[in-house]
């Protein structure tokens, strides 16, 4: 992020509209805390969850934080640095869990994925199994520790599906299948709001947001090798920005070279 961009976000952070968003997030969080007795923050070390975690820990510093590490093929190369920097900046009751790899899910489903996720049943099945197993890791930990409210850093503007969920249920709802309350304090924030908060508090963030060709406000830190990622040129980006990592990956999954 250059100085001009940082100043623009700092100016946004000074606006009363932004300050109202921050207070709204705190109000949503307080409503979540009123629903039960045991709570946890779901942290991915993406921009949204970092902001949500910092905001919540300012007012409730004892909230436990859970992070699922899915391994080298899913976690971005800069995530270990961001994790160390954030935990030093914002010490907390932090637990790291081991999670599934999306590439292992693809291999178990029948091989390497193809680009057209929506048209390929193998890729769809692998993507679904990966998502379910990732959620299962968090839910198992939450049940073991008796947590009944999850704070999650999803936002309405990220996808049509999330916008539909928040329109129907609001930012706080009981997930029957998960048997826990789910609270989204940043549900109504824009990406610009998120970056304004990061600049205001000088929070660490993953370098992928500065490097991503789609731009900082549209980049996501999800699994690097997802099928949608291939369609949007992420494999080319990874090969250019992290050649050593890409070569290790290609040694395990040589099919990837067909996409770059």
Protein backbone atom coordinates (compact mmCIF):
# COMPACT_ATOMS: atom_id res chain seq x y z
CA UNK A 1 0.00 0.00 0.00
CA UNK A 2 1.48 3.33 -1.02
CA UNK A 3 1.26 6.58 0.94
CA UNK A 4 -1.55 8.01 -1.18
CA UNK A 5 -3.69 4.91 -0.69
CA UNK A 6 -3.01 4.92 3.05
CA UNK A 7 -3.99 8.59 3.32
CA UNK A 8 -7.20 7.90 1.41
CA UNK A 9 -8.15 5.11 3.80
CA UNK A 10 -7.17 7.24 6.80
CA UNK A 11 -9.50 9.96 5.54
CA UNK A 12 -12.29 7.41 5.21
CA UNK A 13 -11.67 6.33 8.81
CA UNK A 14 -12.24 9.91 9.97
CA UNK A 15 -15.75 10.05 8.50
CA UNK A 16 -18.76 9.87 10.80
CA UNK A 17 -20.28 7.20 8.54
CA UNK A 18 -17.32 4.94 9.21
CA UNK A 19 -17.45 5.59 12.95
CA UNK A 20 -21.11 4.59 12.90
CA UNK A 21 -20.15 1.33 11.17
CA UNK A 22 -17.70 0.59 13.98
CA UNK A 23 -20.33 1.26 16.63
CA UNK A 24 -22.85 -0.84 14.70
CA UNK A 25 -20.35 -3.74 14.70
CA UNK A 26 -19.99 -3.43 18.48
CA UNK A 27 -23.76 -3.43 18.89
CA UNK A 28 -24.07 -6.61 16.80
CA UNK A 29 -21.32 -8.21 18.88
CA UNK A 30 -23.04 -7.25 22.13
CA UNK A 31 -26.25 -8.83 20.85
CA UNK A 32 -24.29 -12.02 20.11
CA UNK A 33 -22.72 -12.04 23.56
CA UNK A 34 -26.18 -11.77 25.11
CA UNK A 35 -27.32 -15.01 23.45
CA UNK A 36 -25.14 -17.45 25.39
CA UNK A 37 -22.29 -17.91 27.84
CA UNK A 38 -19.41 -19.37 25.81
CA UNK A 39 -18.06 -17.64 22.71
CA UNK A 40 -15.22 -17.85 20.21
CA UNK A 41 -13.80 -15.86 17.34
CA UNK A 42 -13.13 -17.65 14.04
CA UNK A 43 -9.92 -16.18 12.64
CA UNK A 44 -8.49 -16.93 9.18
CA UNK A 45 -5.87 -14.12 9.10
CA UNK A 46 -7.64 -12.61 6.13
CA UNK A 47 -8.34 -8.88 6.22
CA UNK A 48 -11.93 -9.17 7.44
CA UNK A 49 -11.29 -11.61 10.27
CA UNK A 50 -8.23 -9.67 11.43
CA UNK A 51 -10.30 -6.49 11.68
CA UNK A 52 -13.18 -8.28 13.42
CA UNK A 53 -10.83 -9.99 15.88
CA UNK A 54 -9.04 -6.75 16.77
CA UNK A 55 -12.33 -4.88 17.17
CA UNK A 56 -13.79 -7.54 19.47
CA UNK A 57 -10.66 -7.98 21.58
CA UNK A 58 -10.53 -4.27 22.28
CA UNK A 59 -13.75 -4.55 24.27
CA UNK A 60 -13.64 -8.25 25.25
CA UNK A 61 -9.95 -9.21 25.53
CA UNK A 62 -10.63 -12.66 26.97
CA UNK A 63 -12.59 -13.99 24.00
CA UNK A 64 -10.96 -17.21 22.72
CA UNK A 65 -9.73 -17.22 19.13
CA UNK A 66 -9.70 -20.34 16.91
CA UNK A 67 -7.70 -20.66 13.69
CA UNK A 68 -7.70 -23.64 11.32
CA UNK A 69 -4.39 -24.18 9.53
CA UNK A 70 -5.01 -26.22 6.36
CA UNK A 71 -1.38 -26.66 5.40
CA UNK A 72 1.06 -25.50 2.74
CA UNK A 73 -1.22 -25.92 -0.27
CA UNK A 74 -4.05 -23.86 1.22
CA UNK A 75 -2.41 -21.22 3.41
CA UNK A 76 -0.84 -18.29 1.62
CA UNK A 77 2.97 -18.08 1.93
CA UNK A 78 2.75 -14.80 3.86
CA UNK A 79 0.24 -16.10 6.42
CA UNK A 80 2.88 -17.26 8.99
CA UNK A 81 4.36 -13.74 9.07
CA UNK A 82 0.92 -12.14 9.45
CA UNK A 83 -0.01 -14.60 12.18
CA UNK A 84 3.14 -13.88 14.20
CA UNK A 85 2.81 -10.11 13.74
CA UNK A 86 -0.87 -10.02 14.68
CA UNK A 87 -0.47 -12.19 17.77
CA UNK A 88 2.40 -9.98 18.94
CA UNK A 89 0.34 -6.84 18.24
CA UNK A 90 -2.82 -8.25 19.77
CA UNK A 91 -2.09 -11.02 22.33
CA UNK A 92 -5.09 -13.25 22.91
CA UNK A 93 -6.34 -16.66 23.98
CA UNK A 94 -5.33 -18.27 20.67
CA UNK A 95 -5.76 -21.89 19.57
CA UNK A 96 -4.48 -23.26 16.27
CA UNK A 97 -6.22 -26.31 14.81
CA UNK A 98 -5.09 -28.57 11.96
CA UNK A 99 -7.53 -28.68 9.06
CA UNK A 100 -8.07 -30.36 5.71
CA UNK A 101 -6.29 -29.45 2.47
CA UNK A 102 -8.43 -28.70 -0.54
CA UNK A 103 -5.89 -30.47 -2.75
CA UNK A 104 -6.21 -33.63 -0.67
CA UNK A 105 -9.98 -33.34 -1.06
CA UNK A 106 -9.59 -33.07 -4.84
CA UNK A 107 -7.24 -36.07 -4.92
CA UNK A 108 -9.65 -38.17 -2.85
CA UNK A 109 -12.53 -37.16 -5.13
CA UNK A 110 -10.76 -38.57 -8.14
CA UNK A 111 -7.83 -36.44 -9.18
CA UNK A 112 -6.86 -32.89 -10.00
CA UNK A 113 -9.56 -30.30 -10.49
CA UNK A 114 -10.59 -28.66 -13.75
CA UNK A 115 -11.29 -24.99 -14.29
CA UNK A 116 -15.05 -25.13 -14.87
CA UNK A 117 -16.13 -25.89 -11.34
CA UNK A 118 -19.84 -25.51 -11.94
CA UNK A 119 -19.79 -28.04 -14.80
CA UNK A 120 -17.55 -30.69 -13.28
CA UNK A 121 -19.11 -33.00 -10.65
CA UNK A 122 -15.72 -34.15 -9.32
CA UNK A 123 -14.62 -30.59 -8.57
CA UNK A 124 -18.01 -29.72 -7.10
CA UNK A 125 -17.91 -32.75 -4.82
CA UNK A 126 -14.36 -32.00 -3.71
CA UNK A 127 -15.20 -28.36 -3.03
CA UNK A 128 -18.24 -29.39 -0.98
CA UNK A 129 -16.32 -32.04 0.99
CA UNK A 130 -13.56 -29.55 1.74
CA UNK A 131 -16.01 -26.94 2.97
CA UNK A 132 -17.84 -29.44 5.15
CA UNK A 133 -14.65 -30.83 6.68
CA UNK A 134 -13.29 -27.34 7.40
CA UNK A 135 -16.49 -26.38 9.23
CA UNK A 136 -16.45 -29.73 11.02
CA UNK A 137 -13.01 -28.95 12.52
CA UNK A 138 -14.31 -25.72 14.06
CA UNK A 139 -17.58 -27.26 15.20
CA UNK A 140 -15.80 -30.18 16.86
CA UNK A 141 -13.55 -27.80 18.76
CA UNK A 142 -16.51 -25.59 19.68
CA UNK A 143 -18.51 -28.56 21.00
CA UNK A 144 -15.53 -29.91 22.93
CA UNK A 145 -15.01 -26.53 24.58
CA UNK A 146 -18.76 -25.82 25.02
CA UNK A 147 -18.73 -22.72 22.81
CA UNK A 148 -22.19 -21.78 21.61
CA UNK A 149 -21.64 -18.47 19.79
CA UNK A 150 -19.23 -18.07 16.84
CA UNK A 151 -18.03 -14.66 15.68
CA UNK A 152 -17.31 -14.79 11.94
CA UNK A 153 -15.93 -12.02 9.71
CA UNK A 154 -18.18 -12.40 6.68
CA UNK A 155 -19.61 -9.34 4.91
CA UNK A 156 -22.76 -8.89 2.83
CA UNK A 157 -21.01 -7.36 -0.19
CA UNK A 158 -18.67 -10.33 -0.65
CA UNK A 159 -21.18 -12.51 -2.50
CA UNK A 160 -24.82 -12.76 -3.51
CA UNK A 161 -25.23 -15.80 -1.27
CA UNK A 162 -24.05 -13.91 1.81
CA UNK A 163 -26.21 -10.93 0.92
CA UNK A 164 -29.21 -13.29 0.71
CA UNK A 165 -28.40 -14.87 4.09
CA UNK A 166 -28.07 -11.52 5.84
CA UNK A 167 -31.27 -10.25 4.21
CA UNK A 168 -33.18 -13.31 5.42
CA UNK A 169 -31.56 -13.84 8.82
CA UNK A 170 -29.74 -10.66 9.73
CA UNK A 171 -26.18 -10.53 11.10
CA UNK A 172 -27.02 -12.73 14.11
CA UNK A 173 -28.87 -16.02 13.79
CA UNK A 174 -29.08 -19.52 15.20
CA UNK A 175 -27.61 -22.15 12.85
CA UNK A 176 -29.74 -25.20 13.54
CA UNK A 177 -27.45 -27.67 11.76
CA UNK A 178 -24.44 -26.37 13.71
CA UNK A 179 -26.37 -25.96 16.95
CA UNK A 180 -24.80 -22.61 17.71
CA UNK A 181 -25.40 -18.90 17.26
CA UNK A 182 -23.43 -17.22 14.49
CA UNK A 183 -22.64 -13.52 14.75
CA UNK A 184 -21.26 -11.36 11.90
CA UNK A 185 -20.24 -7.96 13.33
CA UNK A 186 -18.90 -6.75 9.94
CA UNK A 187 -21.94 -7.87 7.95
CA UNK A 188 -22.69 -4.38 6.62
CA UNK A 189 -19.12 -3.14 6.13
CA UNK A 190 -17.61 -2.40 2.73
CA UNK A 191 -14.09 -3.44 1.76
CA UNK A 192 -13.13 0.22 2.05
CA UNK A 193 -14.36 0.23 5.65
CA UNK A 194 -12.17 -2.79 6.37
CA UNK A 195 -9.07 -1.17 4.90
CA UNK A 196 -9.79 2.09 6.70
CA UNK A 197 -9.80 0.19 9.98
CA UNK A 198 -6.54 -1.59 9.09
CA UNK A 199 -4.85 1.73 8.34
CA UNK A 200 -6.32 3.41 11.42
CA UNK A 201 -4.83 0.79 13.75
CA UNK A 202 -1.82 -0.15 11.60
CA UNK A 203 -2.82 -3.81 11.62
CA UNK A 204 -0.64 -6.38 9.81
CA UNK A 205 -2.13 -7.90 6.68
CA UNK A 206 -1.20 -10.43 4.03
CA UNK A 207 0.89 -9.16 1.14
CA UNK A 208 -1.43 -10.92 -1.31
CA UNK A 209 -3.82 -7.96 -1.02
CA UNK A 210 -1.22 -5.57 -2.38
CA UNK A 211 -0.08 -8.01 -5.07
CA UNK A 212 -3.39 -9.44 -6.31
CA UNK A 213 -4.25 -8.39 -9.88
CA UNK A 214 -7.94 -7.97 -9.00
CA UNK A 215 -7.07 -5.23 -6.53
CA UNK A 216 -6.87 -4.98 -2.76
CA UNK A 217 -10.60 -4.50 -2.18
CA UNK A 218 -11.58 -7.56 -4.22
CA UNK A 219 -8.81 -10.01 -3.28
CA UNK A 220 -9.66 -12.97 -1.03
CA UNK A 221 -7.36 -15.12 1.07
CA UNK A 222 -9.31 -18.35 0.65
CA UNK A 223 -7.70 -21.63 -0.38
CA UNK A 224 -5.10 -20.78 -3.01
CA UNK A 225 -5.91 -23.69 -5.29
CA UNK A 226 -9.70 -23.46 -5.46
CA UNK A 227 -11.25 -24.05 -8.88
CA UNK A 228 -12.64 -20.54 -9.17
CA UNK A 229 -9.10 -19.30 -8.56
CA UNK A 230 -7.89 -21.07 -11.67
CA UNK A 231 -10.48 -19.33 -13.83
CA UNK A 232 -9.53 -15.92 -12.52
CA UNK A 233 -5.81 -16.34 -13.19
CA UNK A 234 -4.64 -17.09 -9.67
CA UNK A 235 -2.33 -19.89 -10.83
CA UNK A 236 -0.46 -17.47 -13.09
CA UNK A 237 -0.27 -15.03 -10.18
CA UNK A 238 1.08 -17.71 -7.83
CA UNK A 239 3.68 -18.88 -10.31
CA UNK A 240 4.92 -15.33 -10.81
CA UNK A 241 4.91 -14.21 -7.17
CA UNK A 242 5.90 -17.45 -5.43
CA UNK A 243 7.94 -19.50 -7.95
CA UNK A 244 9.58 -21.79 -5.36
CA UNK A 245 6.24 -22.60 -3.78
CA UNK A 246 4.67 -23.18 -7.22
CA UNK A 247 7.45 -25.57 -8.27
CA UNK A 248 7.00 -27.61 -5.07
CA UNK A 249 3.28 -27.74 -5.72
CA UNK A 250 3.75 -28.74 -9.35
CA UNK A 251 6.07 -31.55 -8.28
CA UNK A 252 3.14 -33.03 -6.33
CA UNK A 253 0.42 -32.07 -8.82
CA UNK A 254 2.06 -31.80 -12.29
CA UNK A 255 -1.35 -31.25 -13.91
CA UNK A 256 -1.24 -27.67 -12.67
CA UNK A 257 1.20 -26.75 -15.43
CA UNK A 258 -1.62 -27.22 -17.93
CA UNK A 259 -3.24 -24.06 -16.53
CA UNK A 260 -0.32 -21.64 -16.77
